[in-house]
Amino acid sequence: MGRVLILACAIMLIVEGAFPFFWPDQWRQTFRKITEFRTGQIRFFGFVALVLALILLVVAYV
């Protein structure tokens, strides 16, 4: 279980780090636009991300 958690964190950091490394200007513009979202919109996208992650976990372990 520990190895899987470390692997998942490593993959997440690779994906999260690739965007600002390869496309810093586009990343900055996107991040600036996201900060202009209303709180409800940000929560909605967070909720969708959580649901998709849970679905992926269920699919991976069933």
PDB file of N, CA and C in Angstrom:
ATOM      1  N   MET A   1       0.825  -1.199   0.000  1.00  0.00           N
ATOM      2  CA  MET A   1       0.000   0.000   0.000  1.00  0.00           C
ATOM      3  C   MET A   1       0.863   1.254   0.000  1.00  0.00           C
ATOM      4  N   GLY A   2       1.942   1.233   0.755  1.00  0.00           N
ATOM      5  CA  GLY A   2       2.819   2.392   0.835  1.00  0.00           C
ATOM      6  C   GLY A   2       3.478   2.718  -0.499  1.00  0.00           C
ATOM      7  N   ARG A   3       3.880   1.685  -1.217  1.00  0.00           N
ATOM      8  CA  ARG A   3       4.518   1.905  -2.517  1.00  0.00           C
ATOM      9  C   ARG A   3       3.543   2.517  -3.506  1.00  0.00           C
ATOM     10  N   VAL A   4       2.288   2.085  -3.458  1.00  0.00           N
ATOM     11  CA  VAL A   4       1.272   2.607  -4.368  1.00  0.00           C
ATOM     12  C   VAL A   4       1.013   4.078  -4.063  1.00  0.00           C
ATOM     13  N   LEU A   5       0.966   4.426  -2.772  1.00  0.00           N
ATOM     14  CA  LEU A   5       0.745   5.821  -2.375  1.00  0.00           C
ATOM     15  C   LEU A   5       1.897   6.702  -2.835  1.00  0.00           C
ATOM     16  N   ILE A   6       3.114   6.230  -2.676  1.00  0.00           N
ATOM     17  CA  ILE A   6       4.282   6.992  -3.138  1.00  0.00           C
ATOM     18  C   ILE A   6       4.253   7.138  -4.652  1.00  0.00           C
ATOM     19  N   LEU A   7       3.909   6.088  -5.366  1.00  0.00           N
ATOM     20  CA  LEU A   7       3.818   6.143  -6.821  1.00  0.00           C
ATOM     21  C   LEU A   7       2.744   7.132  -7.267  1.00  0.00           C
ATOM     22  N   ALA A   8       1.590   7.100  -6.604  1.00  0.00           N
ATOM     23  CA  ALA A   8       0.509   8.030  -6.948  1.00  0.00           C
ATOM     24  C   ALA A   8       0.936   9.475  -6.716  1.00  0.00           C
ATOM     25  N   CYS A   9       1.602   9.734  -5.609  1.00  0.00           N
ATOM     26  CA  CYS A   9       2.089  11.093  -5.325  1.00  0.00           C
ATOM     27  C   CYS A   9       3.127  11.531  -6.353  1.00  0.00           C
ATOM     28  N   ALA A  10       4.000  10.620  -6.750  1.00  0.00           N
ATOM     29  CA  ALA A  10       5.027  10.951  -7.743  1.00  0.00           C
ATOM     30  C   ALA A  10       4.386  11.295  -9.083  1.00  0.00           C
ATOM     31  N   ILE A  11       3.409  10.526  -9.503  1.00  0.00           N
ATOM     32  CA  ILE A  11       2.732  10.797 -10.777  1.00  0.00           C
ATOM     33  C   ILE A  11       2.006  12.133 -10.712  1.00  0.00           C
ATOM     34  N   MET A  12       1.347  12.416  -9.583  1.00  0.00           N
ATOM     35  CA  MET A  12       0.656  13.689  -9.431  1.00  0.00           C
ATOM     36  C   MET A  12       1.641  14.854  -9.525  1.00  0.00           C
ATOM     37  N   LEU A  13       2.792  14.730  -8.866  1.00  0.00           N
ATOM     38  CA  LEU A  13       3.780  15.803  -8.909  1.00  0.00           C
ATOM     39  C   LEU A  13       4.369  15.986 -10.309  1.00  0.00           C
ATOM     40  N   ILE A  14       4.531  14.906 -11.053  1.00  0.00           N
ATOM     41  CA  ILE A  14       5.016  15.010 -12.431  1.00  0.00           C
ATOM     42  C   ILE A  14       4.019  15.790 -13.279  1.00  0.00           C
ATOM     43  N   VAL A  15       2.750  15.439 -13.168  1.00  0.00           N
ATOM     44  CA  VAL A  15       1.717  16.133 -13.948  1.00  0.00           C
ATOM     45  C   VAL A  15       1.611  17.586 -13.517  1.00  0.00           C
ATOM     46  N   GLU A  16       1.594  17.824 -12.198  1.00  0.00           N
ATOM     47  CA  GLU A  16       1.469  19.193 -11.690  1.00  0.00           C
ATOM     48  C   GLU A  16       2.680  20.049 -12.064  1.00  0.00           C
ATOM     49  N   GLY A  17       3.849  19.467 -12.114  1.00  0.00           N
ATOM     50  CA  GLY A  17       5.057  20.230 -12.417  1.00  0.00           C
ATOM     51  C   GLY A  17       5.304  20.426 -13.902  1.00  0.00           C
ATOM     52  N   ALA A  18       4.720  19.585 -14.737  1.00  0.00           N
ATOM     53  CA  ALA A  18       4.972  19.665 -16.177  1.00  0.00           C
ATOM     54  C   ALA A  18       4.401  20.944 -16.777  1.00  0.00           C
ATOM     55  N   PHE A  19       3.208  21.319 -16.361  1.00  0.00           N
ATOM     56  CA  PHE A  19       2.567  22.496 -16.954  1.00  0.00           C
ATOM     57  C   PHE A  19       3.351  23.780 -16.710  1.00  0.00           C
ATOM     58  N   PRO A  20       3.697  24.115 -15.465  1.00  0.00           N
ATOM     59  CA  PRO A  20       4.463  25.351 -15.291  1.00  0.00           C
ATOM     60  C   PRO A  20       5.886  25.267 -15.857  1.00  0.00           C
ATOM     61  N   PHE A  21       6.442  24.063 -15.954  1.00  0.00           N
ATOM     62  CA  PHE A  21       7.792  23.930 -16.497  1.00  0.00           C
ATOM     63  C   PHE A  21       7.820  24.129 -18.007  1.00  0.00           C
ATOM     64  N   PHE A  22       6.913  23.461 -18.728  1.00  0.00           N
ATOM     65  CA  PHE A  22       6.926  23.523 -20.184  1.00  0.00           C
ATOM     66  C   PHE A  22       6.167  24.717 -20.755  1.00  0.00           C
ATOM     67  N   TRP A  23       5.100  25.127 -20.070  1.00  0.00           N
ATOM     68  CA  TRP A  23       4.255  26.221 -20.568  1.00  0.00           C
ATOM     69  C   TRP A  23       3.988  27.245 -19.468  1.00  0.00           C
ATOM     70  N   PRO A  24       5.000  27.954 -18.979  1.00  0.00           N
ATOM     71  CA  PRO A  24       4.802  28.847 -17.831  1.00  0.00           C
ATOM     72  C   PRO A  24       3.839  30.004 -18.109  1.00  0.00           C
ATOM     73  N   ASP A  25       3.879  30.584 -19.288  1.00  0.00           N
ATOM     74  CA  ASP A  25       2.993  31.717 -19.582  1.00  0.00           C
ATOM     75  C   ASP A  25       1.529  31.283 -19.642  1.00  0.00           C
ATOM     76  N   GLN A  26       1.255  30.165 -20.302  1.00  0.00           N
ATOM     77  CA  GLN A  26      -0.108  29.668 -20.379  1.00  0.00           C
ATOM     78  C   GLN A  26      -0.606  29.234 -19.001  1.00  0.00           C
ATOM     79  N   TRP A  27       0.277  28.634 -18.211  1.00  0.00           N
ATOM     80  CA  TRP A  27      -0.080  28.209 -16.865  1.00  0.00           C
ATOM     81  C   TRP A  27      -0.464  29.422 -16.017  1.00  0.00           C
ATOM     82  N   ARG A  28       0.328  30.492 -16.114  1.00  0.00           N
ATOM     83  CA  ARG A  28       0.057  31.708 -15.350  1.00  0.00           C
ATOM     84  C   ARG A  28      -1.286  32.319 -15.760  1.00  0.00           C
ATOM     85  N   GLN A  29      -1.568  32.381 -17.058  1.00  0.00           N
ATOM     86  CA  GLN A  29      -2.835  32.940 -17.533  1.00  0.00           C
ATOM     87  C   GLN A  29      -4.017  32.098 -17.051  1.00  0.00           C
ATOM     88  N   THR A  30      -3.872  30.786 -17.133  1.00  0.00           N
ATOM     89  CA  THR A  30      -4.935  29.897 -16.671  1.00  0.00           C
ATOM     90  C   THR A  30      -5.157  30.059 -15.178  1.00  0.00           C
ATOM     91  N   PHE A  31      -4.072  30.122 -14.415  1.00  0.00           N
ATOM     92  CA  PHE A  31      -4.185  30.278 -12.970  1.00  0.00           C
ATOM     93  C   PHE A  31      -4.839  31.614 -12.621  1.00  0.00           C
ATOM     94  N   ARG A  32      -4.506  32.652 -13.352  1.00  0.00           N
ATOM     95  CA  ARG A  32      -5.112  33.972 -13.128  1.00  0.00           C
ATOM     96  C   ARG A  32      -6.619  33.918 -13.392  1.00  0.00           C
ATOM     97  N   LYS A  33      -7.013  33.222 -14.457  1.00  0.00           N
ATOM     98  CA  LYS A  33      -8.449  33.088 -14.755  1.00  0.00           C
ATOM     99  C   LYS A  33      -9.170  32.299 -13.660  1.00  0.00           C
ATOM    100  N   ILE A  34      -8.532  31.273 -13.158  1.00  0.00           N
ATOM    101  CA  ILE A  34      -9.149  30.458 -12.115  1.00  0.00           C
ATOM    102  C   ILE A  34      -9.380  31.288 -10.859  1.00  0.00           C
ATOM    103  N   THR A  35      -8.463  32.194 -10.533  1.00  0.00           N
ATOM    104  CA  THR A  35      -8.639  33.007  -9.331  1.00  0.00           C
ATOM    105  C   THR A  35      -9.819  33.956  -9.455  1.00  0.00           C
ATOM    106  N   GLU A  36     -10.316  34.182 -10.656  1.00  0.00           N
ATOM    107  CA  GLU A  36     -11.466  35.056 -10.859  1.00  0.00           C
ATOM    108  C   GLU A  36     -12.792  34.304 -10.758  1.00  0.00           C
ATOM    109  N   PHE A  37     -12.749  32.976 -10.641  1.00  0.00           N
ATOM    110  CA  PHE A  37     -13.975  32.194 -10.498  1.00  0.00           C
ATOM    111  C   PHE A  37     -14.641  32.512  -9.164  1.00  0.00           C
ATOM    112  N   ARG A  38     -15.947  32.348  -9.142  1.00  0.00           N
ATOM    113  CA  ARG A  38     -16.678  32.483  -7.883  1.00  0.00           C
ATOM    114  C   ARG A  38     -16.397  31.259  -7.019  1.00  0.00           C
ATOM    115  N   THR A  39     -16.644  31.390  -5.724  1.00  0.00           N
ATOM    116  CA  THR A  39     -16.392  30.295  -4.791  1.00  0.00           C
ATOM    117  C   THR A  39     -17.184  29.051  -5.170  1.00  0.00           C
ATOM    118  N   GLY A  40     -18.425  29.226  -5.571  1.00  0.00           N
ATOM    119  CA  GLY A  40     -19.240  28.078  -5.961  1.00  0.00           C
ATOM    120  C   GLY A  40     -18.675  27.334  -7.151  1.00  0.00           C
ATOM    121  N   GLN A  41     -18.117  28.067  -8.109  1.00  0.00           N
ATOM    122  CA  GLN A  41     -17.528  27.426  -9.283  1.00  0.00           C
ATOM    123  C   GLN A  41     -16.293  26.614  -8.892  1.00  0.00           C
ATOM    124  N   ILE A  42     -15.476  27.175  -8.024  1.00  0.00           N
ATOM    125  CA  ILE A  42     -14.273  26.466  -7.583  1.00  0.00           C
ATOM    126  C   ILE A  42     -14.658  25.200  -6.827  1.00  0.00           C
ATOM    127  N   ARG A  43     -15.664  25.309  -5.961  1.00  0.00           N
ATOM    128  CA  ARG A  43     -16.122  24.126  -5.227  1.00  0.00           C
ATOM    129  C   ARG A  43     -16.689  23.077  -6.165  1.00  0.00           C
ATOM    130  N   PHE A  44     -17.408  23.501  -7.194  1.00  0.00           N
ATOM    131  CA  PHE A  44     -17.963  22.547  -8.160  1.00  0.00           C
ATOM    132  C   PHE A  44     -16.849  21.768  -8.848  1.00  0.00           C
ATOM    133  N   PHE A  45     -15.818  22.469  -9.325  1.00  0.00           N
ATOM    134  CA  PHE A  45     -14.711  21.780  -9.997  1.00  0.00           C
ATOM    135  C   PHE A  45     -13.968  20.868  -9.025  1.00  0.00           C
ATOM    136  N   GLY A  46     -13.820  21.288  -7.774  1.00  0.00           N
ATOM    137  CA  GLY A  46     -13.210  20.430  -6.766  1.00  0.00           C
ATOM    138  C   GLY A  46     -14.030  19.182  -6.525  1.00  0.00           C
ATOM    139  N   PHE A  47     -15.357  19.338  -6.455  1.00  0.00           N
ATOM    140  CA  PHE A  47     -16.253  18.204  -6.268  1.00  0.00           C
ATOM    141  C   PHE A  47     -16.156  17.231  -7.435  1.00  0.00           C
ATOM    142  N   VAL A  48     -16.160  17.755  -8.645  1.00  0.00           N
ATOM    143  CA  VAL A  48     -16.046  16.897  -9.835  1.00  0.00           C
ATOM    144  C   VAL A  48     -14.727  16.137  -9.810  1.00  0.00           C
ATOM    145  N   ALA A  49     -13.639  16.796  -9.432  1.00  0.00           N
ATOM    146  CA  ALA A  49     -12.339  16.130  -9.358  1.00  0.00           C
ATOM    147  C   ALA A  49     -12.363  15.013  -8.317  1.00  0.00           C
ATOM    148  N   LEU A  50     -12.978  15.267  -7.162  1.00  0.00           N
ATOM    149  CA  LEU A  50     -13.078  14.238  -6.130  1.00  0.00           C
ATOM    150  C   LEU A  50     -13.892  13.035  -6.603  1.00  0.00           C
ATOM    151  N   VAL A  51     -15.014  13.294  -7.251  1.00  0.00           N
ATOM    152  CA  VAL A  51     -15.868  12.202  -7.738  1.00  0.00           C
ATOM    153  C   VAL A  51     -15.126  11.380  -8.790  1.00  0.00           C
ATOM    154  N   LEU A  52     -14.448  12.054  -9.716  1.00  0.00           N
ATOM    155  CA  LEU A  52     -13.687  11.316 -10.733  1.00  0.00           C
ATOM    156  C   LEU A  52     -12.578  10.480 -10.100  1.00  0.00           C
ATOM    157  N   ALA A  53     -11.906  11.029  -9.104  1.00  0.00           N
ATOM    158  CA  ALA A  53     -10.842  10.282  -8.421  1.00  0.00           C
ATOM    159  C   ALA A  53     -11.416   9.054  -7.718  1.00  0.00           C
ATOM    160  N   LEU A  54     -12.564   9.209  -7.064  1.00  0.00           N
ATOM    161  CA  LEU A  54     -13.185   8.062  -6.398  1.00  0.00           C
ATOM    162  C   LEU A  54     -13.616   6.998  -7.401  1.00  0.00           C
ATOM    163  N   ILE A  55     -14.143   7.424  -8.536  1.00  0.00           N
ATOM    164  CA  ILE A  55     -14.533   6.465  -9.581  1.00  0.00           C
ATOM    165  C   ILE A  55     -13.304   5.718 -10.082  1.00  0.00           C
ATOM    166  N   LEU A  56     -12.209   6.425 -10.305  1.00  0.00           N
ATOM    167  CA  LEU A  56     -10.976   5.767 -10.755  1.00  0.00           C
ATOM    168  C   LEU A  56     -10.468   4.775  -9.726  1.00  0.00           C
ATOM    169  N   LEU A  57     -10.555   5.129  -8.438  1.00  0.00           N
ATOM    170  CA  LEU A  57     -10.127   4.199  -7.396  1.00  0.00           C
ATOM    171  C   LEU A  57     -10.988   2.936  -7.392  1.00  0.00           C
ATOM    172  N   VAL A  58     -12.283   3.107  -7.544  1.00  0.00           N
ATOM    173  CA  VAL A  58     -13.183   1.941  -7.558  1.00  0.00           C
ATOM    174  C   VAL A  58     -12.875   1.066  -8.771  1.00  0.00           C
ATOM    175  N   VAL A  59     -12.698   1.688  -9.922  1.00  0.00           N
ATOM    176  CA  VAL A  59     -12.399   0.926 -11.139  1.00  0.00           C
ATOM    177  C   VAL A  59     -11.053   0.199 -11.008  1.00  0.00           C
ATOM    178  N   ALA A  60     -10.081   0.831 -10.380  1.00  0.00           N
ATOM    179  CA  ALA A  60      -8.762   0.230 -10.256  1.00  0.00           C
ATOM    180  C   ALA A  60      -8.757  -0.967  -9.310  1.00  0.00           C
ATOM    181  N   TYR A  61      -9.621  -0.964  -8.305  1.00  0.00           N
ATOM    182  CA  TYR A  61      -9.600  -2.033  -7.306  1.00  0.00           C
ATOM    183  C   TYR A  61     -10.723  -3.037  -7.444  1.00  0.00           C
ATOM    184  N   VAL A  62     -11.547  -2.919  -8.486  1.00  0.00           N
ATOM    185  CA  VAL A  62     -12.620  -3.912  -8.662  1.00  0.00           C
ATOM    186  C   VAL A  62     -12.311  -4.803  -9.841  1.00  0.00           C
TER     187      VAL A  62
END
